[in-house]
Amino acid sequence: MKARPEIVGLIPAAGTASRLAPLPCSKEILPVGFRARDGRDGPRPMAACEHLLESMRQGGAQRAYVVLRDGKWDIPAYLGDGEEAGLQLAYLVGRVPFGVPFTLDQAYEFVRGQQVVCGFPDILTEPGDVFTPLLERLDETGAAVALALFPADDPQTMDQVKVDEDGRVRFIQVKPGPDLLDSGWVVAAWGPEFTELLHTWVARASEHIRRHGSLEEEPHLGDVVQAAIEAGLIVQSFAFPSGSFIDIGAPERLSEIWRRAADAVSTTGGAPDTEGAG
């Protein structure tokens, strides 16, 4: 019997947080809530990226790779080896500043041949366990990629998708787009086939940059998923019609999260009983 690939987490954390700048720390470790301390009195702050790490752990990942840019050393200083998050963490440095696909491809040699769960550390989802149904969808359908779909309430902040009745994704409209579709995606799971396609896509884009000096516009991961669709790979989805997400990279959304955290503390006497964002 062929062994099932290991589940590994992949986190792009090489952004500059230009919408929030200047910041006293990387936005990935901005406090967005509180969580209880094991065996100790009082809650402790919970950083934005810890929501994603918890989702990956619930999905079955035992290790994850965080791809940083040079200078964001406060992230490994805060997260350490991942013991508190329940994951083994390793850190890579992305030195090619051309967008998320290039950032993720820095981990190619470490994740090739595995099942990957990938999310953005500044996006908080509700429900928290989004990866378990995505991995199940990969197993059930034999798809190369599975996307978690949420209501597209703000088309300027998310890629939107067009799906069939069976959940197969037929088209990705990368943000912002001219049309309003029903759903958007914010996290994904994929198998080795998509990792190879991503690696090839980045190699071709890198060659274009060497020849022409730049790309026409910054690429998004959704561009690579669309390339997978056009190449004939099966891209499936799992919808969370009553779910929600918050992108803390937008100042108004970060303010909303902080208000919720303050309310949780005040209503529970300093011991909040929730870690969720939605």
Protein backbone atom coordinates (compact mmCIF):
# COMPACT_ATOMS: atom_id res chain seq x y z
CA MET A 1 0.00 0.00 0.00
CA LYS A 2 1.30 3.43 -0.92
CA ALA A 3 1.98 5.58 2.13
CA ARG A 4 -0.14 8.69 2.47
CA PRO A 5 1.91 11.87 2.10
CA GLU A 6 2.70 13.79 5.24
CA ILE A 7 0.66 16.93 5.88
CA VAL A 8 2.85 20.01 6.17
CA GLY A 9 1.94 23.65 6.70
CA LEU A 10 3.22 26.43 4.47
CA ILE A 11 2.92 30.06 5.54
CA PRO A 12 3.96 33.10 3.46
CA ALA A 13 5.11 35.85 5.83
CA ALA A 14 7.33 37.98 3.61
CA GLY A 15 4.97 40.94 3.17
CA THR A 16 5.69 44.54 4.12
CA ALA A 17 2.32 45.39 5.76
CA SER A 18 2.20 48.64 3.79
CA ARG A 19 -1.45 49.29 4.71
CA LEU A 20 -0.57 49.31 8.42
CA ALA A 21 2.91 50.84 8.31
CA PRO A 22 4.68 51.88 10.39
CA LEU A 23 4.28 49.02 12.89
CA PRO A 24 6.27 48.17 16.02
CA CYS A 25 6.38 44.50 14.96
CA SER A 26 5.52 42.22 12.08
CA LYS A 27 1.77 42.16 11.47
CA GLU A 28 1.76 38.37 11.71
CA ILE A 29 2.39 38.60 15.45
CA LEU A 30 0.08 41.50 16.22
CA PRO A 31 -2.18 40.54 19.16
CA VAL A 32 -5.74 39.87 18.01
CA GLY A 33 -7.25 38.16 21.04
CA PHE A 34 -6.48 36.12 24.12
CA ARG A 35 -6.18 32.48 25.06
CA ALA A 36 -6.01 30.65 28.36
CA ARG A 37 -2.66 29.68 29.84
CA ASP A 38 -2.26 26.00 30.75
CA GLY A 39 -2.20 25.73 34.52
CA ARG A 40 -1.77 29.45 35.05
CA ASP A 41 -4.07 32.27 36.02
CA GLY A 42 -5.21 34.80 33.47
CA PRO A 43 -5.17 34.79 29.68
CA ARG A 44 -2.25 35.59 27.42
CA PRO A 45 -2.31 37.58 24.18
CA MET A 46 -2.81 35.57 21.00
CA ALA A 47 -0.99 36.63 17.84
CA ALA A 48 -2.70 36.68 14.46
CA CYS A 49 -0.62 33.85 13.01
CA GLU A 50 -1.47 31.55 15.92
CA HIS A 51 -5.01 31.17 14.56
CA LEU A 52 -3.58 29.74 11.35
CA LEU A 53 -1.14 27.49 13.18
CA GLU A 54 -3.98 26.08 15.27
CA SER A 55 -6.02 25.42 12.12
CA MET A 56 -3.08 23.56 10.60
CA ARG A 57 -2.61 21.47 13.73
CA GLN A 58 -6.31 20.58 13.75
CA GLY A 59 -6.01 19.55 10.12
CA GLY A 60 -3.31 17.03 10.96
CA ALA A 61 -0.11 18.94 10.23
CA GLN A 62 2.76 18.20 12.58
CA ARG A 63 5.22 20.68 11.10
CA ALA A 64 5.08 23.92 9.17
CA TYR A 65 7.42 26.18 7.24
CA VAL A 66 7.21 29.94 7.66
CA VAL A 67 8.77 31.86 4.76
CA LEU A 68 10.01 35.26 5.92
CA ARG A 69 11.76 38.18 4.31
CA ASP A 70 15.03 39.48 5.67
CA GLY A 71 14.51 41.50 8.86
CA LYS A 72 11.31 39.86 10.15
CA TRP A 73 13.19 38.06 12.88
CA ASP A 74 10.59 38.97 15.50
CA ILE A 75 8.37 36.18 14.11
CA PRO A 76 10.74 33.29 14.97
CA ALA A 77 11.66 35.10 18.19
CA TYR A 78 7.97 35.01 19.19
CA LEU A 79 6.95 31.57 17.87
CA GLY A 80 10.19 29.75 18.60
CA ASP A 81 10.25 26.09 17.63
CA GLY A 82 6.46 25.85 17.68
CA GLU A 83 6.16 23.84 20.89
CA GLU A 84 3.38 26.04 22.27
CA ALA A 85 1.51 25.89 18.96
CA GLY A 86 1.78 22.10 18.87
CA LEU A 87 3.75 22.13 15.59
CA GLN A 88 7.38 21.80 14.63
CA LEU A 89 8.25 25.11 13.01
CA ALA A 90 11.08 25.91 10.62
CA TYR A 91 11.87 29.24 8.99
CA LEU A 92 13.01 30.04 5.48
CA VAL A 93 14.02 33.39 4.02
CA GLY A 94 12.42 34.48 0.76
CA ARG A 95 14.83 36.71 -1.11
CA VAL A 96 12.80 37.14 -4.32
CA PRO A 97 10.35 40.03 -3.78
CA PHE A 98 7.92 39.28 -6.58
CA GLY A 99 4.83 38.01 -4.76
CA VAL A 100 3.37 35.08 -2.86
CA PRO A 101 4.08 32.34 -5.47
CA PHE A 102 7.80 33.15 -5.30
CA THR A 103 7.66 33.22 -1.50
CA LEU A 104 6.01 29.79 -1.30
CA ASP A 105 8.39 28.25 -3.82
CA GLN A 106 11.27 28.94 -1.43
CA ALA A 107 10.01 25.87 0.45
CA TYR A 108 9.87 23.61 -2.63
CA GLU A 109 12.66 21.24 -1.59
CA PHE A 110 11.07 20.83 1.85
CA VAL A 111 7.44 20.22 0.84
CA ARG A 112 7.71 18.38 -2.48
CA GLY A 113 5.91 15.05 -2.40
CA GLN A 114 3.76 16.06 0.60
CA GLN A 115 0.24 17.30 1.14
CA VAL A 116 0.36 21.03 1.85
CA VAL A 117 -2.03 23.15 3.90
CA CYS A 118 -1.51 26.83 3.15
CA GLY A 119 -3.02 30.00 4.54
CA PHE A 120 -2.23 33.63 5.12
CA PRO A 121 -1.14 34.52 8.66
CA ASP A 122 -2.97 37.85 8.63
CA ILE A 123 -6.36 36.33 7.74
CA LEU A 124 -8.51 34.90 10.54
CA THR A 125 -11.23 32.43 9.63
CA GLU A 126 -14.35 31.18 11.35
CA PRO A 127 -14.70 28.25 11.70
CA GLY A 128 -11.13 27.65 12.74
CA ASP A 129 -10.75 24.07 11.47
CA VAL A 130 -10.84 24.76 7.74
CA PHE A 131 -8.19 22.28 6.60
CA THR A 132 -9.78 18.99 7.69
CA PRO A 133 -12.64 19.20 5.15
CA LEU A 134 -10.24 20.41 2.45
CA LEU A 135 -7.97 17.40 2.91
CA GLU A 136 -10.99 15.12 2.90
CA ARG A 137 -12.10 16.71 -0.37
CA LEU A 138 -8.67 16.02 -1.89
CA ASP A 139 -8.95 12.37 -0.88
CA GLU A 140 -12.54 11.99 -2.07
CA THR A 141 -12.11 13.61 -5.49
CA GLY A 142 -8.46 13.06 -6.37
CA ALA A 143 -8.13 16.79 -6.92
CA ALA A 144 -4.77 18.54 -7.11
CA VAL A 145 -6.01 21.51 -5.07
CA ALA A 146 -8.94 22.21 -2.74
CA LEU A 147 -9.98 25.75 -1.83
CA ALA A 148 -11.99 26.87 1.21
CA LEU A 149 -14.81 29.10 0.00
CA PHE A 150 -16.36 31.93 1.98
CA PRO A 151 -19.07 34.46 1.10
CA ALA A 152 -17.54 37.13 -1.14
CA ASP A 153 -18.69 40.12 0.89
CA ASP A 154 -15.71 42.27 -0.12
CA PRO A 155 -14.49 41.44 -3.66
CA GLN A 156 -11.63 43.93 -3.37
CA THR A 157 -9.87 41.81 -0.74
CA MET A 158 -10.17 38.25 -2.05
CA ASP A 159 -9.92 36.13 -5.16
CA GLN A 160 -13.36 35.05 -6.33
CA VAL A 161 -14.25 31.69 -7.85
CA LYS A 162 -16.77 30.15 -10.18
CA VAL A 163 -17.69 26.57 -9.30
CA ASP A 164 -19.80 23.76 -10.72
CA GLU A 165 -22.63 22.08 -8.83
CA ASP A 166 -20.19 19.38 -7.70
CA GLY A 167 -17.84 21.99 -6.24
CA ARG A 168 -15.22 21.84 -8.98
CA VAL A 169 -13.60 25.23 -9.50
CA ARG A 170 -13.77 26.38 -13.11
CA PHE A 171 -12.37 29.89 -12.89
CA ILE A 172 -10.40 32.11 -10.51
CA GLN A 173 -10.90 35.85 -10.71
CA VAL A 174 -7.88 37.39 -9.02
CA LYS A 175 -8.59 40.43 -6.84
CA PRO A 176 -9.85 42.95 -7.61
CA GLY A 177 -11.99 41.80 -10.50
CA PRO A 178 -14.72 43.31 -12.63
CA ASP A 179 -17.39 40.74 -11.78
CA LEU A 180 -19.07 39.84 -8.50
CA LEU A 181 -19.13 36.10 -7.97
CA ASP A 182 -20.78 34.22 -5.12
CA SER A 183 -17.72 33.01 -3.25
CA GLY A 184 -14.07 33.73 -2.60
CA TRP A 185 -11.21 31.64 -1.26
CA VAL A 186 -8.69 32.41 1.47
CA VAL A 187 -6.99 29.07 2.39
CA ALA A 188 -6.03 26.00 0.37
CA ALA A 189 -4.76 22.46 0.55
CA TRP A 190 -2.93 20.70 -2.26
CA GLY A 191 -0.98 17.64 -3.21
CA PRO A 192 2.40 17.04 -4.87
CA GLU A 193 1.06 17.70 -8.38
CA PHE A 194 0.27 21.33 -7.60
CA THR A 195 3.59 21.83 -5.79
CA GLU A 196 5.34 20.80 -9.01
CA LEU A 197 3.16 23.09 -11.12
CA LEU A 198 3.86 26.00 -8.76
CA HIS A 199 7.59 25.33 -9.01
CA THR A 200 7.44 25.26 -12.82
CA TRP A 201 5.28 28.40 -12.91
CA VAL A 202 7.78 30.31 -10.74
CA ALA A 203 10.69 29.11 -12.89
CA ARG A 204 8.99 30.42 -16.04
CA ALA A 205 8.12 33.72 -14.36
CA SER A 206 11.72 34.04 -13.15
CA GLU A 207 12.96 33.54 -16.71
CA HIS A 208 10.58 36.29 -17.87
CA ILE A 209 12.05 38.60 -15.23
CA ARG A 210 15.59 37.79 -16.33
CA ARG A 211 14.72 38.63 -19.92
CA HIS A 212 12.48 41.64 -19.39
CA GLY A 213 13.50 43.01 -16.00
CA SER A 214 10.10 42.70 -14.31
CA LEU A 215 6.60 41.26 -14.43
CA GLU A 216 3.65 43.25 -15.69
CA GLU A 217 2.06 43.10 -12.22
CA GLU A 218 2.62 41.31 -8.93
CA PRO A 219 1.41 37.73 -9.19
CA HIS A 220 -0.96 36.16 -6.68
CA LEU A 221 -1.39 32.54 -5.67
CA GLY A 222 -4.76 32.67 -7.41
CA ASP A 223 -2.92 33.20 -10.71
CA VAL A 224 -1.15 29.87 -10.21
CA VAL A 225 -4.40 28.10 -9.29
CA GLN A 226 -5.94 29.49 -12.48
CA ALA A 227 -2.91 28.20 -14.41
CA ALA A 228 -3.54 24.78 -12.86
CA ILE A 229 -7.15 24.86 -14.06
CA GLU A 230 -6.02 25.81 -17.56
CA ALA A 231 -3.49 22.96 -17.48
CA GLY A 232 -6.30 20.49 -16.79
CA LEU A 233 -5.66 19.85 -13.10
CA ILE A 234 -8.73 19.26 -10.96
CA VAL A 235 -9.34 22.08 -8.49
CA GLN A 236 -12.05 21.31 -5.97
CA SER A 237 -13.62 23.34 -3.16
CA PHE A 238 -15.37 23.12 0.18
CA ALA A 239 -17.85 25.88 0.97
CA PHE A 240 -18.42 27.51 4.36
CA PRO A 241 -21.64 29.43 3.55
CA SER A 242 -22.06 30.67 7.12
CA GLY A 243 -18.35 31.15 7.71
CA SER A 244 -16.45 34.41 7.82
CA PHE A 245 -12.94 35.78 7.61
CA ILE A 246 -11.16 38.96 8.61
CA ASP A 247 -8.06 40.35 6.93
CA ILE A 248 -6.22 42.23 9.66
CA GLY A 249 -4.02 43.93 7.08
CA ALA A 250 -6.79 46.49 6.67
CA PRO A 251 -6.73 49.07 9.50
CA GLU A 252 -10.51 49.05 9.94
CA ARG A 253 -10.56 45.25 10.25
CA LEU A 254 -7.75 45.26 12.80
CA SER A 255 -9.67 47.82 14.85
CA GLU A 256 -12.73 45.55 14.69
CA ILE A 257 -10.70 42.60 16.00
CA TRP A 258 -9.31 44.63 18.88
CA ARG A 259 -12.81 45.78 19.84
CA ARG A 260 -14.00 42.18 19.92
CA ALA A 261 -11.04 41.13 22.05
CA ALA A 262 -11.70 43.95 24.51
CA ASP A 263 -15.39 42.99 24.71
CA ALA A 264 -14.48 39.33 25.33
CA VAL A 265 -12.25 40.25 28.23
CA SER A 266 -14.77 42.63 29.79
CA THR A 267 -17.67 40.15 29.55
CA THR A 268 -15.72 37.20 30.98
CA GLY A 269 -14.02 38.99 33.84
CA GLY A 270 -10.57 38.86 32.29
CA ALA A 271 -10.74 35.20 31.18
CA PRO A 272 -12.08 35.08 27.61
CA ASP A 273 -13.58 31.78 26.60
CA THR A 274 -13.02 32.13 22.88
CA GLU A 275 -10.06 32.26 20.55
CA GLY A 276 -11.99 32.67 17.31
CA ALA A 277 -12.17 35.71 15.12
CA GLY A 278 -15.48 35.38 13.35
